[in-house]
Protein backbone atom coordinates (compact mmCIF):
# COMPACT_ATOMS: atom_id res chain seq x y z
CA MET A 1 0.00 0.00 0.00
CA SER A 2 1.41 3.41 -0.97
CA VAL A 3 1.76 6.33 1.45
CA LEU A 4 -1.16 8.04 -0.34
CA GLU A 5 -3.45 5.03 0.07
CA ARG A 6 -2.56 4.72 3.75
CA VAL A 7 -3.20 8.45 4.26
CA LYS A 8 -6.65 8.12 2.68
CA GLU A 9 -7.48 5.03 4.75
CA HIS A 10 -6.31 6.66 7.96
CA GLU A 11 -8.27 9.89 7.37
CA GLU A 12 -11.43 8.04 6.37
CA ALA A 13 -11.22 6.05 9.59
CA LYS A 14 -10.98 9.34 11.52
CA GLY A 15 -13.85 10.85 9.59
CA ALA A 16 -11.73 13.90 8.79
CA SER A 17 -11.37 15.59 5.45
CA VAL A 18 -7.85 16.17 4.16
CA GLU A 19 -8.68 16.31 0.49
CA PRO A 20 -5.70 18.44 -0.61
CA LEU A 21 -3.23 16.11 1.16
CA ALA A 22 -4.95 12.94 -0.04
CA ARG A 23 -4.77 14.06 -3.65
CA MET A 24 -0.98 14.32 -3.52
CA SER A 25 1.20 11.52 -4.87
CA ASP A 26 4.05 10.04 -2.87
CA ALA A 27 6.54 12.03 -4.96
CA ALA A 28 4.55 15.23 -4.44
CA LEU A 29 4.49 14.65 -0.67
CA ARG A 30 8.27 14.26 -0.63
CA GLU A 31 8.73 17.38 -2.76
CA ARG A 32 6.44 19.38 -0.49
CA LEU A 33 8.31 18.36 2.65
CA LYS A 34 11.69 19.14 1.02
CA HIS A 35 10.36 22.53 -0.11
CA GLU A 36 9.11 23.33 3.41
CA LEU A 37 12.48 22.23 4.85
CA VAL A 38 14.41 24.60 2.58
CA GLU A 39 11.90 27.40 3.19
CA ARG A 40 12.22 27.14 6.95
CA LEU A 41 15.97 26.52 7.33
CA GLY A 42 17.28 28.22 4.20
CA LEU A 43 19.16 26.48 1.40
CA ALA A 44 22.54 27.61 2.73
CA ASN A 45 21.88 26.05 6.15
CA VAL A 46 20.64 22.78 4.65
CA SER A 47 23.72 22.60 2.41
CA ARG A 48 26.01 23.36 5.35
CA ILE A 49 24.48 20.62 7.49
CA VAL A 50 24.61 18.03 4.69
CA SER A 51 28.20 18.87 3.68
CA SER A 52 29.50 18.84 7.26
CA GLY A 53 30.73 15.27 6.81
CA ASP A 54 28.82 13.92 9.81
CA ILE A 55 25.90 12.17 8.12
CA GLU A 56 24.39 10.86 11.36
CA ASN A 57 24.29 14.34 12.87
CA ALA A 58 22.92 15.78 9.61
CA ARG A 59 20.10 13.22 9.56
CA ARG A 60 19.33 13.96 13.21
CA GLU A 61 19.23 17.75 12.75
CA LEU A 62 17.24 17.68 9.53
CA GLY A 63 15.03 14.91 10.89
CA ASP A 64 14.03 17.12 13.84
CA ALA A 65 13.22 19.91 11.39
CA CYS A 66 11.13 17.58 9.20
CA TRP A 67 9.11 16.36 12.17
CA ALA A 68 8.51 19.95 13.27
CA ILE A 69 7.14 20.69 9.79
CA VAL A 70 4.93 17.59 9.82
CA HIS A 71 3.45 18.54 13.21
CA ALA A 72 2.99 22.21 12.29
CA THR A 73 1.18 21.64 8.96
CA ASP A 74 -1.77 19.67 7.64
CA MET A 75 0.64 16.72 7.35
CA MET A 76 -0.18 16.22 11.02
CA GLY A 77 -3.22 14.34 9.74
CA MET A 78 -1.01 11.53 8.40
CA ALA A 79 -0.79 8.22 10.19
CA GLU A 80 2.35 7.94 12.32
CA GLU A 81 3.82 5.08 10.26
CA ASP A 82 3.25 7.03 7.02
CA ALA A 83 4.96 10.10 8.43
CA VAL A 84 7.93 7.94 9.49
CA VAL A 85 8.26 6.60 5.92
CA LEU A 86 7.92 10.08 4.42
CA VAL A 87 10.55 11.66 6.69
CA ALA A 88 12.95 8.75 6.10
CA GLN A 89 12.57 9.06 2.32
CA VAL A 90 13.20 12.81 2.40
CA LEU A 91 16.28 12.37 4.60
CA ASP A 92 17.57 9.68 2.20
CA GLU A 93 17.20 12.12 -0.69
CA VAL A 94 18.69 15.13 1.09
CA CYS A 95 21.48 13.41 3.05
CA GLY A 96 21.97 10.18 1.18
CA LEU A 97 21.30 8.44 -2.09
CA GLY A 98 17.53 8.46 -2.29
CA PRO A 99 15.68 5.15 -2.81
CA ILE A 100 18.90 3.10 -2.82
CA GLN A 101 20.18 4.40 0.53
CA SER A 102 18.42 1.74 2.61
CA LEU A 103 19.45 -0.98 0.14
CA LEU A 104 23.11 0.03 0.42
CA GLU A 105 22.86 -0.13 4.20
CA ASP A 106 21.20 -3.59 4.13
CA GLU A 107 23.99 -6.18 4.43
CA THR A 108 21.74 -8.93 3.05
CA VAL A 109 21.42 -7.10 -0.30
CA THR A 110 24.18 -8.15 -2.72
CA GLU A 111 23.27 -6.23 -5.88
CA ILE A 112 21.19 -3.16 -6.79
CA MET A 113 19.80 -2.49 -10.27
CA ILE A 114 18.30 0.85 -11.33
CA ASN A 115 16.40 0.68 -14.63
CA GLY A 116 15.66 4.33 -15.22
CA CYS A 117 12.56 5.59 -13.42
CA THR A 118 10.53 2.47 -14.22
CA SER A 119 11.95 -0.01 -11.72
CA LEU A 120 14.43 -0.49 -8.92
CA LEU A 121 15.45 -4.06 -8.18
CA PHE A 122 17.81 -5.72 -5.74
CA GLU A 123 19.25 -9.17 -5.14
CA ARG A 124 19.06 -10.92 -1.78
CA ALA A 125 20.24 -14.52 -1.27
CA GLY A 126 20.54 -14.92 -5.03
CA VAL A 127 16.90 -13.93 -5.69
CA ILE A 128 15.91 -10.66 -7.39
CA HIS A 129 13.21 -8.55 -5.73
CA ARG A 130 11.43 -5.35 -6.77
CA ALA A 131 11.86 -2.39 -4.43
CA GLU A 132 8.78 -0.41 -3.36
CA ALA A 133 10.30 3.00 -4.08
CA VAL A 134 11.68 4.19 -7.42
CA PHE A 135 13.43 7.31 -8.64
CA ASP A 136 11.02 10.08 -9.66
CA THR A 137 13.06 11.58 -12.51
CA PRO A 138 16.19 10.81 -14.57
CA GLU A 139 17.72 13.95 -13.10
CA GLN A 140 17.39 12.46 -9.61
CA ILE A 141 19.33 9.37 -10.72
CA LEU A 142 22.07 11.52 -12.25
CA MET A 143 22.25 13.60 -9.08
CA VAL A 144 22.69 10.46 -6.97
CA MET A 145 25.37 9.18 -9.35
CA ASP A 146 27.14 12.53 -9.09
CA ARG A 147 27.27 12.09 -5.32
CA ILE A 148 28.70 8.60 -5.74
CA LEU A 149 31.24 9.44 -8.44
CA ALA A 150 32.37 12.95 -7.46
CA PRO A 151 34.77 11.73 -4.71
CA LEU A 152 36.35 9.42 -7.32
CA GLY A 153 36.89 12.23 -9.82
CA ARG A 154 34.45 10.65 -12.26
CA ARG A 155 31.20 11.82 -13.80
CA LEU A 156 28.21 10.48 -15.73
CA ASP A 157 26.79 12.68 -18.47
CA LYS A 158 26.34 12.90 -22.25
CA ALA A 159 30.06 13.41 -22.77
CA SER A 160 30.89 10.40 -20.59
CA PRO A 161 27.83 8.10 -20.75
CA ILE A 162 29.54 4.90 -19.51
CA VAL A 163 31.23 4.65 -16.12
CA ASN A 164 32.84 1.74 -14.29
CA ALA A 165 34.09 2.55 -10.81
CA ARG A 166 34.98 1.05 -7.45
CA LEU A 167 33.76 2.79 -4.32
CA GLU A 168 35.91 3.25 -1.22
CA ASN A 169 34.13 0.36 0.52
CA GLY A 170 34.82 -2.01 -2.39
CA ASP A 171 31.38 -1.84 -4.06
CA ARG A 172 31.50 -1.89 -7.87
CA VAL A 173 29.38 0.56 -9.86
CA ASN A 174 28.48 0.45 -13.54
CA ALA A 175 26.35 3.25 -14.93
CA VAL A 176 25.11 4.14 -18.40
CA ALA A 177 23.26 7.31 -19.34
CA PRO A 178 21.65 8.74 -22.49
CA PRO A 179 22.36 8.68 -25.37
CA VAL A 180 23.74 5.17 -24.69
CA ALA A 181 20.86 4.21 -22.37
CA ILE A 182 17.68 4.79 -24.36
CA ASP A 183 15.18 4.56 -21.48
CA GLY A 184 17.07 6.73 -19.02
CA PRO A 185 20.09 6.18 -16.76
CA ALA A 186 20.70 2.55 -15.75
CA VAL A 187 22.91 1.70 -12.79
CA THR A 188 24.20 -1.61 -11.42
CA ILE A 189 25.86 -1.68 -8.02
CA ARG A 190 27.52 -4.93 -6.95
CA LYS A 191 28.09 -4.75 -3.23
CA PHE A 192 31.35 -6.02 -1.81
CA SER A 193 30.96 -8.65 0.88
CA SER A 194 33.75 -9.42 3.31
CA ARG A 195 31.72 -12.05 5.14
CA ILE A 196 33.17 -14.99 3.18
CA THR A 197 36.96 -14.88 3.18
CA SER A 198 37.93 -18.54 3.50
CA LEU A 199 37.22 -22.00 2.17
CA GLU A 200 35.78 -22.88 5.58
CA GLY A 201 33.22 -20.11 5.11
CA LEU A 202 32.21 -21.56 1.74
CA VAL A 203 31.88 -25.02 3.29
CA ALA A 204 29.63 -23.59 6.01
CA LEU A 205 27.41 -22.09 3.29
CA GLY A 206 27.17 -25.44 1.50
CA ALA A 207 28.99 -24.17 -1.59
CA LEU A 208 31.24 -27.26 -1.51
CA PRO A 209 31.94 -30.21 0.81
CA GLU A 210 34.82 -30.25 3.27
CA TRP A 211 36.86 -32.83 1.33
CA TYR A 212 36.64 -30.69 -1.82
CA ALA A 213 37.80 -27.62 0.11
CA MET A 214 40.76 -29.60 1.48
CA LEU A 215 41.70 -30.64 -2.06
CA LEU A 216 41.67 -27.02 -3.27
CA SER A 217 43.69 -25.92 -0.22
CA TRP A 218 46.33 -28.54 -1.00
CA ALA A 219 46.45 -27.40 -4.63
CA VAL A 220 47.28 -23.86 -3.47
CA ARG A 221 49.89 -25.11 -1.00
CA LEU A 222 51.49 -27.19 -3.78
CA ARG A 223 51.70 -24.05 -5.96
CA LYS A 224 49.37 -25.30 -8.66
CA ASP A 225 48.33 -22.73 -11.27
CA ILE A 226 44.55 -22.48 -10.97
CA ALA A 227 41.87 -20.83 -13.11
CA VAL A 228 38.41 -20.30 -11.60
CA ALA A 229 35.76 -20.20 -14.32
CA GLY A 230 32.02 -19.55 -14.29
CA GLY A 231 29.27 -17.19 -15.34
CA THR A 232 28.49 -13.67 -14.13
CA GLY A 233 27.59 -13.63 -10.45
CA SER A 234 28.55 -17.28 -9.94
CA GLY A 235 30.96 -16.52 -7.10
CA LYS A 236 34.29 -16.62 -8.98
CA THR A 237 35.84 -13.70 -7.10
CA THR A 238 34.61 -15.05 -3.76
CA LEU A 239 36.26 -18.41 -4.44
CA LEU A 240 39.44 -16.70 -5.69
CA ASN A 241 39.58 -14.70 -2.47
CA ALA A 242 39.10 -17.87 -0.41
CA LEU A 243 41.86 -19.68 -2.33
CA SER A 244 44.19 -16.71 -1.89
CA THR A 245 43.93 -16.94 1.90
CA GLU A 246 45.55 -20.38 1.68
CA ILE A 247 48.82 -18.84 0.40
CA ASP A 248 51.68 -19.04 2.89
CA HIS A 249 52.49 -15.79 4.70
CA ALA A 250 56.15 -16.13 3.73
CA GLU A 251 55.28 -15.54 0.06
CA ARG A 252 54.95 -12.21 -1.75
CA ILE A 253 51.66 -11.72 -3.60
CA VAL A 254 50.87 -9.22 -6.33
CA THR A 255 47.16 -8.89 -7.10
CA ILE A 256 45.93 -7.33 -10.34
CA GLU A 257 42.29 -6.39 -10.78
CA ASP A 258 39.99 -4.29 -12.90
CA SER A 259 38.19 -3.22 -9.71
CA ALA A 260 40.02 -4.16 -6.52
CA GLU A 261 37.96 -6.66 -4.54
CA LEU A 262 40.44 -9.18 -3.17
CA ARG A 263 41.30 -8.71 0.49
CA PHE A 264 44.46 -9.89 2.26
CA ASP A 265 44.04 -8.21 5.62
CA ALA A 266 46.05 -10.85 7.47
CA HIS A 267 48.80 -11.32 4.88
CA PRO A 268 51.99 -9.31 5.52
CA ASN A 269 53.38 -9.07 1.97
CA VAL A 270 50.75 -8.07 -0.58
CA VAL A 271 50.84 -5.46 -3.35
CA ARG A 272 47.40 -4.63 -4.76
CA LEU A 273 47.26 -3.14 -8.27
CA GLU A 274 44.19 -1.80 -10.02
CA ALA A 275 43.68 -0.93 -13.68
CA ARG A 276 42.67 2.61 -14.63
CA GLU A 277 40.44 3.75 -17.45
CA ALA A 278 41.39 6.61 -19.72
CA SER A 279 40.50 10.11 -18.58
CA ILE A 280 37.91 12.26 -20.31
CA GLU A 281 40.75 13.54 -22.50
CA GLY A 282 41.56 9.95 -23.51
CA THR A 283 44.86 9.72 -21.65
CA GLY A 284 46.23 7.89 -18.62
CA GLU A 285 44.78 4.43 -19.29
CA ILE A 286 46.55 1.57 -17.50
CA THR A 287 45.35 -1.85 -18.60
CA ILE A 288 45.40 -5.23 -16.87
CA ARG A 289 48.05 -6.25 -19.40
CA ASP A 290 50.25 -3.33 -18.41
CA LEU A 291 49.96 -4.37 -14.77
CA VAL A 292 50.72 -8.05 -15.45
CA LYS A 293 53.90 -7.05 -17.28
CA ASN A 294 54.87 -4.71 -14.46
CA ALA A 295 54.13 -7.33 -11.80
CA LEU A 296 56.90 -9.54 -13.19
CA ARG A 297 59.39 -6.86 -12.10
CA MET A 298 58.07 -6.76 -8.53
CA ARG A 299 59.58 -10.04 -7.33
CA PRO A 300 56.25 -11.84 -6.90
CA ASP A 301 55.99 -15.39 -5.56
CA ARG A 302 52.36 -15.45 -6.70
CA ILE A 303 50.46 -13.37 -9.21
CA VAL A 304 46.70 -13.20 -8.71
CA VAL A 305 44.75 -11.71 -11.62
CA GLY A 306 41.19 -10.88 -10.62
CA GLU A 307 39.86 -11.67 -14.09
CA CYS A 308 41.41 -12.44 -17.48
CA ARG A 309 39.21 -10.91 -20.14
CA GLY A 310 41.54 -9.85 -22.94
CA ALA A 311 45.08 -9.70 -24.27
CA GLU A 312 46.55 -10.03 -20.77
CA ALA A 313 45.81 -13.79 -20.96
CA ILE A 314 49.01 -14.40 -22.97
CA ASP A 315 51.11 -12.52 -20.39
CA MET A 316 49.47 -14.47 -17.58
CA LEU A 317 50.23 -17.78 -19.31
CA GLN A 318 53.83 -16.74 -19.90
CA ALA A 319 54.20 -15.76 -16.25
CA MET A 320 52.92 -19.20 -15.20
CA ASN A 321 55.44 -20.78 -17.57
CA THR A 322 58.42 -18.74 -16.38
CA GLY A 323 58.68 -19.62 -12.71
CA HIS A 324 55.61 -17.98 -11.18
CA ASP A 325 53.92 -21.22 -10.16
CA GLY A 326 50.88 -21.03 -7.94
CA SER A 327 49.31 -18.11 -9.79
CA LEU A 328 45.52 -17.70 -9.72
CA THR A 329 42.99 -16.10 -12.03
CA THR A 330 39.33 -16.14 -13.06
CA LEU A 331 37.56 -16.02 -16.41
CA HIS A 332 34.06 -16.25 -17.82
CA ALA A 333 33.16 -19.70 -19.14
CA GLY A 334 30.37 -22.25 -18.78
CA THR A 335 32.53 -25.40 -18.81
CA ALA A 336 36.20 -26.35 -18.53
CA ASP A 337 36.33 -26.88 -22.31
CA GLU A 338 34.88 -23.41 -22.88
CA ALA A 339 37.49 -22.00 -20.49
CA ILE A 340 40.27 -23.41 -22.69
CA MET A 341 38.62 -21.98 -25.81
CA ARG A 342 38.27 -18.57 -24.12
CA LEU A 343 41.92 -18.58 -23.08
CA VAL A 344 43.00 -19.40 -26.63
CA LEU A 345 40.86 -16.59 -28.05
CA MET A 346 42.02 -14.02 -25.48
CA ALA A 347 45.67 -15.00 -25.86
CA ARG A 348 45.45 -14.45 -29.62
CA PHE A 349 44.31 -10.88 -28.93
CA GLY A 350 47.65 -10.31 -27.24
CA MET A 351 49.92 -12.18 -29.64
CA ASP A 352 49.20 -13.37 -33.14
CA LEU A 353 50.18 -17.00 -32.67
CA PRO A 354 48.63 -20.17 -34.10
CA ALA A 355 46.01 -21.73 -31.85
CA ASP A 356 48.08 -24.94 -31.53
CA ILE A 357 51.01 -23.06 -30.02
CA ILE A 358 48.74 -21.23 -27.58
CA LYS A 359 47.17 -24.53 -26.51
CA GLU A 360 50.67 -25.86 -25.80
CA GLN A 361 51.22 -22.77 -23.63
CA ILE A 362 47.98 -23.44 -21.75
CA ALA A 363 48.75 -27.13 -21.28
CA THR A 364 52.11 -26.36 -19.66
CA ALA A 365 50.94 -23.29 -17.72
CA LEU A 366 47.63 -24.28 -16.13
CA ASP A 367 47.23 -27.16 -13.67
CA LEU A 368 43.58 -26.94 -12.60
CA ILE A 369 40.28 -25.42 -13.71
CA VAL A 370 37.65 -24.99 -11.01
CA MET A 371 34.08 -24.27 -12.10
CA SER A 372 31.61 -22.17 -10.09
CA ALA A 373 27.92 -21.86 -10.91
CA ARG A 374 24.86 -19.95 -9.84
CA LEU A 375 21.88 -22.30 -9.70
CA GLU A 376 18.26 -21.51 -10.58
CA ASP A 377 17.30 -20.77 -6.96
CA GLY A 378 20.13 -18.24 -6.68
CA THR A 379 22.48 -20.40 -4.62
CA ARG A 380 26.11 -20.66 -5.68
CA ARG A 381 28.07 -23.89 -5.83
CA ILE A 382 31.67 -24.81 -6.60
CA THR A 383 30.98 -27.51 -9.16
CA SER A 384 33.55 -29.48 -11.18
CA LEU A 385 37.34 -29.66 -10.90
CA SER A 386 39.46 -30.63 -13.91
CA THR A 387 43.17 -31.20 -14.24
CA VAL A 388 44.98 -29.70 -17.24
CA ARG A 389 47.77 -31.62 -18.93
CA ARG A 390 49.50 -31.75 -22.28
CA HIS A 391 47.92 -34.25 -24.66
CA PRO A 392 50.40 -36.89 -25.91
CA GLU A 393 49.59 -35.83 -29.46
CA GLY A 394 49.76 -32.12 -28.66
CA GLY A 395 47.22 -29.68 -27.28
CA VAL A 396 45.29 -29.72 -24.02
CA LEU A 397 44.03 -32.80 -22.20
CA LEU A 398 41.31 -32.09 -19.61
CA GLU A 399 40.52 -34.73 -17.02
CA GLU A 400 37.56 -34.18 -14.67
CA VAL A 401 38.40 -35.33 -11.15
CA VAL A 402 35.43 -33.85 -9.24
CA SER A 403 31.95 -33.82 -10.74
CA PHE A 404 28.75 -32.14 -9.55
CA ASP A 405 25.30 -33.61 -10.10
CA LEU A 406 22.84 -30.78 -10.61
CA ALA A 407 19.76 -32.95 -9.98
CA THR A 408 20.89 -34.25 -6.58
CA ARG A 409 23.27 -31.36 -5.84
CA THR A 410 25.98 -33.74 -4.76
CA TRP A 411 29.69 -34.00 -5.49
CA GLU A 412 31.65 -37.07 -6.48
CA LEU A 413 35.38 -37.68 -6.61
CA LEU A 414 35.84 -39.47 -9.92
CA ARG A 415 39.53 -40.16 -9.39
CA GLU A 416 42.17 -39.08 -6.94
CA PRO A 417 44.25 -36.30 -8.55
CA ARG A 418 47.99 -36.74 -8.82
CA LEU A 419 48.59 -33.75 -6.60
CA VAL A 420 47.73 -35.85 -3.53
CA GLU A 421 50.56 -38.34 -4.06
CA GLU A 422 52.79 -35.48 -5.17
CA GLY A 423 52.14 -33.65 -1.91
CA LEU A 424 52.97 -36.76 0.09
CA SER A 425 56.21 -37.38 -1.79
CA LEU A 426 57.31 -33.76 -1.36
CA GLY A 427 56.42 -33.75 2.33
CA VAL A 428 53.98 -30.87 1.88
CA LEU A 429 51.06 -33.05 2.95
CA ASP A 430 50.91 -35.14 6.09
CA ARG A 431 49.95 -38.78 5.62
CA LYS A 432 47.45 -38.59 8.48
CA GLU A 433 45.58 -35.65 6.95
CA VAL A 434 45.49 -37.47 3.60
CA GLN A 435 44.07 -40.56 5.30
CA ARG A 436 41.43 -38.40 6.98
CA TRP A 437 40.60 -36.84 3.60
CA ARG A 438 40.20 -40.25 2.00
CA ARG A 439 37.80 -41.29 4.77
CA LEU A 440 35.77 -38.09 4.19
CA VAL A 441 35.54 -38.85 0.48
CA SER A 442 34.46 -42.45 1.01
């Protein structure tokens, strides 16, 4: 029920007549309260309070003023719960980011999607929901985006209609505006979550069984080169972050990302690099490929590339083949076979080599491909695990060692990977922990 409908119902129950107020839309009610607020306090004072930097104090001061206006005008006829909603919405617009403010503050919300003024949607637990409130005008969306992007030195307008940015808290923002976006500004905000930072956390969520997590942990300890593949929103970065926490603290890590999301709060020797888009003048661009090349000069023990999506794939493969074992990356692909095809295609962007030669590079560089998937109900699972080897006749030989049954949502170890015996022979793995793992599997 909208604020207007509740106002009407409340006033009819009281037998009072508030016809002018009842005829106003939700947007009109908000505009009226904002207008009264500026009239009473003055625009300069409102601006001073909002720009003070203390948002909590600003909301408290302006909230008191809003309630004084409500009680001193015919808005006093509104039901208490309606007035609470109205004041909160006005404070969100004046002090915060309008209809998305409460969604940004809700830790259970993982993604926010603004489709012009027609709809505002958000994702919670993998399921998309429609928000009750929407933006009133395209200008309001652009104003909110200006508040988000201004501290980053970025802007969204006709001259720069596409923006990708990372906020200070790690959230990723993509925005498109006219003339690129035909139906008005469209914004996607992917919220950064620091709740899952380990394989144990993924096991607790049911994303994979304990024995599978142990196998992946051993692979990292044994310095296997691993690619995590999956679709958009399948949990690739979350898994990459969890794998990265298994790296020994004695090693030096260089992370390379389009938008920095990986966190190594407990690791003492990490260098985090982030790509940069060109400025409005078309200068200053620093690509993932530039950073991968530079990382080789930084004495890394491990290179972690947040996502391979272009020519940097060939540099990543060469790094894996020239002594930087144990490197990690992610890429978009639906299956392990598709991941190989994607790597071949991306590598050819960076160096015009025959596909056969690139496949030889992949076969000697990569050790494992881990697949992640987002299921129909929104849950995310770490699905199959495949080993990567050189085919006796040349090219890539994929061998699935862990399979996932979508119907029963269960995992099966098809064969014990060679890394287990390798770990035992090198003394990296303890025989007792391997025996425990084998009992878990059986």
